[in-house]
Protein backbone atom coordinates (compact mmCIF):
# COMPACT_ATOMS: atom_id res chain seq x y z
CA MET A 1 -0.20 0.14 0.12
CA SER A 2 1.21 3.87 -0.69
CA MET A 3 2.33 5.25 2.81
CA SER A 4 2.36 8.87 1.14
CA GLY A 5 -0.28 10.76 2.65
CA SER A 6 -0.64 8.29 5.56
CA LEU A 7 0.24 9.38 9.46
CA VAL A 8 1.39 7.50 12.66
CA ILE A 9 0.72 8.58 16.31
CA GLY A 10 4.00 9.15 18.35
CA LEU A 11 3.82 8.99 22.08
CA ASP A 12 5.60 10.93 24.50
CA ILE A 13 5.20 9.47 28.00
CA GLY A 14 6.94 11.40 30.56
CA ALA A 15 6.73 11.98 34.61
CA SER A 16 4.77 15.62 33.72
CA LYS A 17 3.32 15.24 30.99
CA THR A 18 1.93 12.66 28.17
CA MET A 19 1.60 13.96 24.63
CA ALA A 20 0.29 12.59 21.21
CA GLY A 21 0.89 13.51 17.76
CA LEU A 22 0.39 12.28 13.84
CA VAL A 23 3.37 12.62 12.22
CA THR A 24 3.69 12.12 8.72
CA ARG A 25 6.41 9.87 6.63
CA ASP A 26 8.97 12.81 6.35
CA GLY A 27 8.64 13.90 9.92
CA GLN A 28 6.04 16.20 10.04
CA LEU A 29 4.01 16.80 13.20
CA VAL A 30 0.62 17.37 12.03
CA GLN A 31 -1.46 17.68 14.84
CA ALA A 32 -0.75 17.35 18.77
CA LEU A 33 -2.23 16.99 22.09
CA GLN A 34 -0.92 16.70 25.84
CA VAL A 35 -1.87 15.96 29.46
CA ALA A 36 -0.45 16.09 32.75
CA THR A 37 0.67 12.73 33.20
CA ALA A 38 -1.75 10.11 35.53
CA PRO A 39 -0.60 9.10 38.77
CA SER A 40 -0.79 5.46 38.17
CA PRO A 41 0.21 2.94 35.25
CA PRO A 42 -3.45 2.07 34.36
CA GLU A 43 -4.52 5.37 33.80
CA ILE A 44 -1.33 6.54 31.75
CA LEU A 45 -2.13 3.61 29.39
CA ALA A 46 -5.96 4.98 29.35
CA ALA A 47 -4.77 8.80 28.90
CA ALA A 48 -2.36 7.35 26.13
CA ARG A 49 -5.26 5.31 24.41
CA SER A 50 -7.74 8.37 24.60
CA LEU A 51 -5.33 10.70 22.99
CA SER A 52 -4.60 8.67 20.09
CA GLN A 53 -8.36 7.62 19.82
CA THR A 54 -9.15 11.47 19.65
CA LEU A 55 -6.20 11.92 17.10
CA ILE A 56 -7.33 9.13 14.74
CA ALA A 57 -10.76 10.62 14.71
CA ALA A 58 -9.16 13.84 13.71
CA ALA A 59 -7.24 12.25 10.97
CA ASP A 60 -7.49 13.48 7.59
CA ALA A 61 -5.65 10.07 6.24
CA PRO A 62 -5.38 6.91 7.46
CA VAL A 63 -3.62 6.16 10.48
CA LEU A 64 -0.95 2.78 10.60
CA GLY A 65 0.73 2.15 13.71
CA ILE A 66 1.57 3.90 16.91
CA GLY A 67 5.08 4.11 18.53
CA ILE A 68 5.82 5.40 22.35
CA GLY A 69 8.74 6.94 23.65
CA SER A 70 8.15 6.54 27.59
CA ALA A 71 10.40 7.00 30.90
CA GLY A 72 11.83 3.97 32.49
CA MET A 73 14.04 1.29 30.98
CA VAL A 74 11.98 -0.61 28.29
CA ASP A 75 12.12 -4.01 26.86
CA THR A 76 11.58 -3.29 23.08
CA GLU A 77 11.12 -6.73 22.00
CA ARG A 78 7.98 -7.34 24.78
CA GLY A 79 6.86 -3.36 24.80
CA VAL A 80 7.51 -3.78 28.55
CA VAL A 81 8.93 -1.08 31.11
CA ILE A 82 11.20 -3.30 32.86
CA HIS A 83 12.74 -0.66 35.35
CA ALA A 84 11.02 2.80 36.15
CA ASN A 85 12.45 5.37 39.23
CA ASP A 86 10.62 7.19 41.96
CA ASN A 87 9.15 10.21 39.14
CA LEU A 88 6.32 7.25 38.17
CA PRO A 89 5.67 5.15 41.16
CA GLY A 90 4.65 1.56 40.32
CA TYR A 91 5.21 2.07 36.50
CA SER A 92 8.01 -0.86 36.04
CA GLY A 93 5.81 -3.99 34.51
CA ALA A 94 3.86 -1.55 32.34
CA GLU A 95 2.72 -3.24 29.41
CA LEU A 96 2.94 -0.56 26.77
CA ALA A 97 2.47 -2.88 23.78
CA ALA A 98 -0.78 -3.55 25.46
CA LEU A 99 -1.83 -0.46 23.91
CA ASP A 100 -4.94 -1.40 22.19
CA VAL A 101 -6.14 1.14 19.80
CA ASP A 102 -8.19 0.13 16.71
CA GLY A 103 -5.66 -3.00 16.47
CA LEU A 104 -2.75 -1.37 15.51
CA PRO A 105 0.56 -1.99 15.87
CA VAL A 106 2.69 -0.49 18.81
CA CYS A 107 5.95 -0.23 19.46
CA ALA A 108 7.80 1.25 22.72
CA GLU A 109 11.33 2.70 23.39
CA ASN A 110 12.81 4.30 26.42
CA ASP A 111 12.45 8.15 26.16
CA VAL A 112 16.25 8.83 25.40
CA ARG A 113 16.28 6.47 22.88
CA ALA A 114 13.53 7.53 20.82
CA PHE A 115 15.21 10.83 21.26
CA ALA A 116 18.14 9.60 19.75
CA PHE A 117 16.33 7.67 16.88
CA GLY A 118 14.47 11.09 15.90
CA GLU A 119 17.70 13.20 15.69
CA ALA A 120 19.63 10.17 13.77
CA SER A 121 16.54 10.15 11.21
CA ILE A 122 14.95 13.47 10.88
CA GLY A 123 17.35 15.78 13.10
CA ALA A 124 20.73 17.10 13.86
CA GLY A 125 22.02 13.66 13.50
CA ALA A 126 20.56 12.70 9.70
CA ALA A 127 23.81 13.03 8.24
CA TYR A 128 25.58 10.54 10.32
CA ARG A 129 25.36 6.98 10.89
CA SER A 130 26.57 6.81 14.59
CA LEU A 131 26.08 8.70 17.09
CA LEU A 132 26.42 9.28 20.99
CA CYS A 133 23.24 11.20 22.04
CA VAL A 134 22.84 12.85 25.32
CA THR A 135 20.25 14.72 26.87
CA VAL A 136 20.94 17.22 30.04
CA GLY A 137 18.35 18.09 32.36
CA THR A 138 16.34 16.75 35.54
CA GLY A 139 18.78 13.95 34.97
CA ILE A 140 21.38 12.76 32.40
CA GLY A 141 20.28 10.20 29.95
CA GLY A 142 22.45 8.67 26.77
CA ALA A 143 22.14 6.70 24.09
CA LEU A 144 23.78 5.49 21.22
CA ILE A 145 22.93 5.18 17.46
CA MET A 146 24.94 2.56 15.73
CA ASN A 147 24.86 1.97 11.57
CA GLY A 148 21.31 4.29 11.62
CA GLU A 149 19.90 1.89 14.89
CA VAL A 150 19.51 2.29 18.42
CA TRP A 151 22.40 0.07 20.11
CA HIS A 152 20.35 -1.49 23.02
CA GLY A 153 22.87 -3.33 24.68
CA VAL A 154 22.09 -7.09 26.22
CA ASN A 155 19.39 -5.52 28.83
CA PHE A 156 18.65 -2.55 26.95
CA SER A 157 20.97 0.28 28.86
CA ALA A 158 23.64 0.58 26.23
CA GLY A 159 24.63 4.55 26.59
CA GLU A 160 23.34 5.13 29.82
CA ILE A 161 25.92 7.80 30.88
CA GLY A 162 24.12 8.84 34.36
CA TYR A 163 25.49 6.21 35.73
CA LEU A 164 29.05 7.08 35.60
CA VAL A 165 31.22 7.57 38.53
CA VAL A 166 32.81 11.12 38.53
CA ASP A 167 33.60 11.82 42.00
CA TRP A 168 33.62 10.82 45.37
CA ASP A 169 31.76 12.26 48.71
CA GLY A 170 33.79 10.48 51.19
CA GLU A 171 33.43 6.92 50.50
CA GLN A 172 30.30 7.19 48.57
CA PRO A 173 30.46 7.69 44.69
CA LEU A 174 28.82 10.47 43.16
CA ILE A 175 27.29 9.49 39.61
CA LEU A 176 27.06 11.66 36.36
CA ASP A 177 23.46 12.20 37.11
CA GLN A 178 23.61 13.86 40.76
CA TYR A 179 26.76 15.86 39.45
CA ALA A 180 26.45 17.93 36.04
CA SER A 181 22.46 17.95 35.47
CA GLY A 182 19.67 20.92 36.09
CA PRO A 183 19.39 19.57 39.69
CA ALA A 184 23.15 19.90 40.40
CA ILE A 185 23.51 23.21 38.81
CA GLU A 186 20.89 24.42 41.45
CA ARG A 187 22.25 22.60 44.55
CA ALA A 188 25.81 24.39 43.82
CA TYR A 189 24.36 27.32 43.22
CA LEU A 190 22.63 27.27 46.61
CA ASN A 191 25.71 25.72 48.22
CA ALA A 192 27.88 29.20 46.71
CA THR A 193 24.80 31.68 48.07
CA GLY A 194 23.26 29.96 51.20
CA GLY A 195 19.50 30.01 51.74
CA GLU A 196 17.24 27.68 52.31
CA LYS A 197 16.14 26.19 48.69
CA PRO A 198 18.00 27.08 45.34
CA PRO A 199 16.09 28.85 42.85
CA PRO A 200 15.09 26.61 39.62
CA LEU A 201 17.40 26.76 36.81
CA THR A 202 15.50 29.21 34.38
CA GLU A 203 15.83 31.67 37.52
CA ILE A 204 19.76 31.26 37.72
CA SER A 205 20.37 31.37 34.22
CA ARG A 206 18.18 34.52 34.17
CA ARG A 207 20.65 35.77 37.14
CA ALA A 208 23.83 34.90 34.97
CA PHE A 209 22.64 36.41 32.20
CA ALA A 210 21.86 39.42 34.36
CA GLY A 211 25.32 39.73 35.60
CA ASP A 212 25.09 37.46 38.82
CA GLU A 213 28.56 36.19 39.02
CA LEU A 214 27.81 33.33 41.14
CA ALA A 215 25.22 32.05 38.94
CA ARG A 216 27.75 32.37 36.06
CA ALA A 217 30.68 30.93 37.99
CA VAL A 218 28.37 27.49 38.73
CA ILE A 219 26.93 27.48 35.34
CA ARG A 220 30.15 27.55 33.90
CA GLN A 221 32.00 25.27 36.58
CA LYS A 222 29.19 22.52 35.44
CA ALA A 223 29.83 22.87 32.11
CA ARG A 224 33.31 22.75 31.98
CA ARG A 225 32.92 19.48 33.96
CA LEU A 226 30.39 17.72 31.86
CA GLY A 227 32.67 18.71 28.71
CA TYR A 228 35.66 16.99 30.23
CA ILE A 229 33.73 14.05 31.49
CA LEU A 230 31.64 13.21 28.05
CA ALA A 231 34.97 13.34 26.31
CA GLY A 232 36.31 10.52 27.75
CA TYR A 233 33.15 8.82 27.01
CA ALA A 234 33.05 9.80 23.24
CA THR A 235 36.72 8.76 22.63
CA SER A 236 36.11 4.86 24.01
CA ILE A 237 32.73 5.00 21.65
CA ASN A 238 34.25 6.87 18.74
CA PRO A 239 30.99 8.13 17.20
CA GLU A 240 30.72 10.07 14.23
CA ALA A 241 28.65 12.86 16.14
CA VAL A 242 27.92 13.98 19.56
CA ILE A 243 24.22 15.81 19.94
CA LEU A 244 23.07 17.30 23.12
CA GLY A 245 19.53 18.06 24.28
CA GLY A 246 17.95 18.51 27.37
CA GLY A 247 17.05 22.14 29.08
CA VAL A 248 20.40 22.55 30.45
CA PRO A 249 21.95 23.23 26.97
CA MET A 250 19.22 25.48 26.36
CA ILE A 251 20.71 27.97 29.13
CA GLY A 252 22.60 28.96 26.09
CA ALA A 253 26.21 30.47 25.19
CA LEU A 254 26.97 30.96 28.70
CA TRP A 255 26.96 27.00 28.75
CA TRP A 256 27.73 25.66 25.86
CA GLU A 257 30.88 27.58 24.58
CA VAL A 258 32.64 26.25 28.17
CA PHE A 259 31.34 22.98 27.59
CA GLU A 260 32.61 22.72 24.00
CA ALA A 261 35.94 24.09 25.05
CA ALA A 262 36.44 21.62 27.85
CA PHE A 263 35.05 19.08 25.30
CA ARG A 264 37.75 19.70 22.65
CA ASP A 265 40.40 20.59 25.19
CA SER A 266 40.05 16.73 26.49
CA LEU A 267 39.45 15.12 23.21
CA PRO A 268 42.62 13.18 21.75
CA PRO A 269 44.20 15.17 18.83
CA LEU A 270 42.94 12.53 16.12
CA LEU A 271 39.06 13.02 17.70
CA ARG A 272 39.30 16.78 17.90
CA GLU A 273 37.00 17.86 15.08
CA THR A 274 34.48 15.23 16.07
CA PRO A 275 31.06 17.48 15.64
CA LEU A 276 29.16 18.53 18.47
CA LEU A 277 25.64 19.71 17.59
CA PRO A 278 22.63 20.89 19.75
CA ALA A 279 19.46 19.07 19.10
CA ALA A 280 17.13 19.74 16.64
CA LEU A 281 13.90 18.60 17.39
CA GLY A 282 13.06 20.59 20.84
CA VAL A 283 9.96 19.43 22.96
CA GLU A 284 8.95 17.55 20.34
CA ALA A 285 11.95 15.12 20.11
CA ILE A 286 10.83 12.34 21.79
CA LEU A 287 7.01 11.89 20.42
CA LEU A 288 8.75 12.58 16.69
CA GLY A 289 11.42 10.14 17.29
CA ALA A 290 8.75 7.46 18.67
CA ALA A 291 6.81 7.94 15.54
CA MET A 292 9.83 7.49 13.40
CA LEU A 293 10.37 4.03 14.90
CA ALA A 294 6.41 3.27 14.48
CA TRP A 295 7.08 4.06 10.71
CA ARG A 296 9.98 1.96 10.72
CA GLU A 297 7.66 -1.04 11.71
CA VAL A 298 5.02 -0.33 9.78
CA THR A 299 6.83 -0.23 6.03
CA VAL A 300 9.54 -2.76 7.07
């Protein structure tokens, strides 16, 4: 059957919001809807089904399949969440592939890997066959693209750089996720300024651009350290390009320039020209990546 004019649904299930959209074969988002993520797994899946049915009813072309990019570690062969953190209580074991909407085929993937596949197929990494994709936000996530496909590893955790031990607090290891994420910048700013609780990252960023030297120093320090750490990881993986997304890089030049300088400074000479690219798909990256995974399923 002809795929032109047809659509798929991409779903992004995150800790705070669930977003669904109709997406064309070439990655155009035709229509999107979002709701706050429900408090329990059955309600989360019910909301995803409801959003999908609403989109199908509104679609002016056949909908061929559904792709889900979800928080948690996802067994992509079974379409099941095999591990989820406290941001989504009780979500481990959620059967995403059981999302029955008009009998359409469903594929499910971890959110960062869906982001990576989207950037690899229609985003900043479309010209490359191998990528290290990193998201720096509330946590630090990573995914690997090898030969144009997500490389999962044996337990679906390949590329999860957030678990790298990067420092020590006495005998307690500090992992990258705790060390250079958005909350890490907030904690460092609180330590530098004193006070009861840290302002959110957006406010720290605003203060930095308004000339707050402590805010600037904290952002630069975290950017520099992440640059050094990622250079080591990129050296061991040796991808064609590295893509960065998430809320922290969106601070802009103040963060990015320091990060990139440290990253390049720490790479061996042969790797120094490795392209380092900001993610291109924005807040819809996970939804679009999930949709592109659905397209791959229905066109094979």
